[in-house]
Amino acid sequence: MNYFKNILTVLLVTGIIVLHPSLNKGDNIITKLQYLVYGNTLNVNLSPTVNRNDLKIEWVSGINELTVFEKGKKINEIPATEGHQELLVFYQGRYIGKIVQDKFSKLQAHQYFINLSSKNNTVFFNGEIVGPSGYKSPSVTVPNFASL
């Protein structure tokens, strides 16, 4: 009985690791299984000097727009669509930066990371998408935020 439990545990752990989105760069059956297990996740990392309520993130694809993060919380999931997509980041009503993605299949699981910090009236932004259609944005510095 112990032998059976050990085999089951190894299979379960291996399955979770193999299905992680960062380990698959293709468009195959594993990609679709990853999406069913993980879906799309949005991770927003803010420094203590950034007011969470002043951050807004919009998803844009063609003529479609959807607010996914606003007033300190996630309000919508990032849609599962293919094609060119962008996550636009706004802080205190001003455009800060974006992360861009070209998805070849709508059923690809991705992790979206938004990092925002501020110091001396300057805002620093960078973002990354981890998954089959990954992207790493260049770091953006926006000076002269007078009301931080």
Protein backbone atom coordinates (compact mmCIF):
# COMPACT_ATOMS: atom_id res chain seq x y z
CA MET A 1 0.00 0.00 0.00
CA ASN A 2 2.87 2.39 0.81
CA TYR A 3 4.44 1.62 -2.55
CA PHE A 4 1.19 2.63 -4.33
CA LYS A 5 0.99 5.91 -2.35
CA ASN A 6 4.59 6.76 -3.25
CA ILE A 7 3.99 6.16 -6.96
CA LEU A 8 0.81 8.25 -6.86
CA THR A 9 2.62 11.09 -5.06
CA VAL A 10 5.49 11.09 -7.56
CA LEU A 11 3.05 11.14 -10.50
CA LEU A 12 1.06 13.99 -8.97
CA VAL A 13 4.13 16.14 -8.24
CA THR A 14 5.62 15.41 -11.67
CA GLY A 15 2.32 16.32 -13.33
CA ILE A 16 2.15 19.65 -11.52
CA ILE A 17 5.73 20.49 -12.45
CA VAL A 18 5.36 19.42 -16.09
CA LEU A 19 2.16 21.44 -16.48
CA HIS A 20 3.68 24.68 -15.19
CA PRO A 21 3.32 27.37 -17.93
CA SER A 22 6.94 28.46 -17.82
CA LEU A 23 8.10 24.98 -18.88
CA ASN A 24 6.17 24.75 -22.14
CA LYS A 25 6.90 27.02 -25.08
CA GLY A 26 4.84 25.20 -27.68
CA ASP A 27 1.26 24.92 -28.80
CA ASN A 28 0.27 21.34 -28.09
CA ILE A 29 -1.96 19.25 -25.84
CA ILE A 30 0.21 20.08 -22.79
CA THR A 31 -0.36 23.80 -23.47
CA LYS A 32 -4.12 23.26 -23.38
CA LEU A 33 -3.87 21.20 -20.19
CA GLN A 34 -1.80 23.97 -18.61
CA TYR A 35 -4.52 26.47 -19.40
CA LEU A 36 -7.18 24.26 -17.81
CA VAL A 37 -5.03 23.84 -14.66
CA TYR A 38 -3.53 27.33 -14.28
CA GLY A 39 -5.41 29.75 -16.54
CA ASN A 40 -4.04 33.29 -16.79
CA THR A 41 -2.78 34.87 -13.58
CA LEU A 42 -2.02 38.52 -12.86
CA ASN A 43 0.62 39.33 -10.23
CA VAL A 44 0.87 42.98 -9.19
CA ASN A 45 3.95 43.86 -7.11
CA LEU A 46 3.98 47.35 -5.65
CA SER A 47 6.50 49.05 -3.41
CA PRO A 48 5.17 50.51 -0.14
CA THR A 49 5.50 54.01 -1.63
CA VAL A 50 2.95 53.25 -4.38
CA ASN A 51 -0.73 53.74 -3.60
CA ARG A 52 -2.51 50.57 -4.72
CA ASN A 53 -5.77 52.48 -5.24
CA ASP A 54 -4.17 54.75 -7.86
CA LEU A 55 -3.20 51.84 -10.14
CA LYS A 56 -5.29 50.81 -13.14
CA ILE A 57 -4.47 48.04 -15.65
CA GLU A 58 -6.37 47.67 -18.90
CA TRP A 59 -6.29 44.75 -21.33
CA VAL A 60 -6.57 45.80 -25.00
CA SER A 61 -6.92 43.60 -28.07
CA GLY A 62 -7.94 45.28 -31.33
CA ILE A 63 -11.06 47.28 -30.52
CA ASN A 64 -11.77 45.33 -27.32
CA GLU A 65 -10.86 46.89 -23.97
CA LEU A 66 -11.30 45.51 -20.46
CA THR A 67 -10.19 46.87 -17.10
CA VAL A 68 -8.55 44.00 -15.20
CA PHE A 69 -7.21 45.86 -12.14
CA GLU A 70 -8.55 49.02 -10.54
CA LYS A 71 -8.82 50.66 -7.10
CA GLY A 72 -6.52 48.17 -5.45
CA LYS A 73 -8.01 44.90 -6.64
CA LYS A 74 -8.37 42.61 -9.62
CA ILE A 75 -11.84 43.08 -11.09
CA ASN A 76 -11.67 40.93 -14.24
CA GLU A 77 -9.69 37.97 -15.56
CA ILE A 78 -7.36 38.46 -18.51
CA PRO A 79 -9.37 37.03 -21.42
CA ALA A 80 -8.34 33.89 -23.27
CA THR A 81 -8.01 35.13 -26.83
CA GLU A 82 -5.42 34.82 -29.56
CA GLY A 83 -3.69 37.57 -31.47
CA HIS A 84 -2.04 40.84 -30.47
CA GLN A 85 -2.80 41.97 -26.91
CA GLU A 86 -1.51 44.63 -24.56
CA LEU A 87 -1.76 45.32 -20.84
CA LEU A 88 -1.69 49.10 -20.36
CA VAL A 89 -0.64 50.37 -16.94
CA PHE A 90 -1.87 53.71 -15.55
CA TYR A 91 -0.89 55.32 -12.27
CA GLN A 92 -2.78 58.33 -10.93
CA GLY A 93 -4.52 58.58 -14.29
CA ARG A 94 -1.27 58.80 -16.26
CA TYR A 95 -0.02 56.17 -18.69
CA ILE A 96 3.09 54.47 -17.27
CA GLY A 97 3.88 51.58 -19.62
CA LYS A 98 2.66 48.38 -21.24
CA ILE A 99 3.44 44.73 -21.79
CA VAL A 100 2.73 43.32 -25.23
CA GLN A 101 1.83 39.81 -26.28
CA ASP A 102 1.12 37.93 -29.50
CA LYS A 103 -0.72 34.73 -28.59
CA PHE A 104 -0.96 32.03 -31.24
CA SER A 105 -3.56 30.00 -29.35
CA LYS A 106 -6.26 31.25 -27.00
CA LEU A 107 -5.75 28.29 -24.68
CA GLN A 108 -2.24 29.18 -23.52
CA ALA A 109 -1.67 29.74 -19.79
CA HIS A 110 0.43 32.76 -18.89
CA GLN A 111 1.57 34.57 -15.79
CA TYR A 112 1.51 38.37 -16.05
CA PHE A 113 3.82 40.32 -13.71
CA ILE A 114 3.48 44.07 -13.16
CA ASN A 115 6.12 45.74 -10.94
CA LEU A 116 5.74 49.36 -9.86
CA SER A 117 7.79 51.41 -7.42
CA SER A 118 8.40 55.08 -6.71
CA LYS A 119 11.06 57.26 -5.20
CA ASN A 120 11.52 61.04 -5.12
CA ASN A 121 8.52 61.81 -7.37
CA THR A 122 9.67 59.25 -9.94
CA VAL A 123 7.77 56.07 -10.87
CA PHE A 124 9.58 52.94 -12.05
CA PHE A 125 7.73 50.27 -14.08
CA ASN A 126 8.57 46.93 -15.58
CA GLY A 127 6.46 43.98 -16.62
CA GLU A 128 6.85 40.44 -17.80
CA ILE A 129 4.75 37.67 -19.29
CA VAL A 130 5.82 34.10 -18.51
CA GLY A 131 4.48 31.30 -20.70
CA PRO A 132 4.48 30.07 -24.29
CA SER A 133 4.07 33.61 -25.68
CA GLY A 134 6.28 35.37 -23.16
CA TYR A 135 7.48 38.96 -23.12
CA LYS A 136 9.75 41.10 -20.95
CA SER A 137 9.11 44.83 -21.11
CA PRO A 138 11.92 47.33 -20.95
CA SER A 139 12.10 49.20 -17.66
CA VAL A 140 10.33 52.55 -17.77
CA THR A 141 11.07 55.56 -15.57
CA VAL A 142 8.49 58.34 -15.36
CA PRO A 143 9.80 61.46 -13.55
CA ASN A 144 7.87 64.40 -12.11
CA PHE A 145 4.99 62.71 -10.31
CA ALA A 146 4.33 65.68 -8.03
CA SER A 147 1.56 64.15 -5.92
CA LEU A 148 3.22 60.93 -4.76
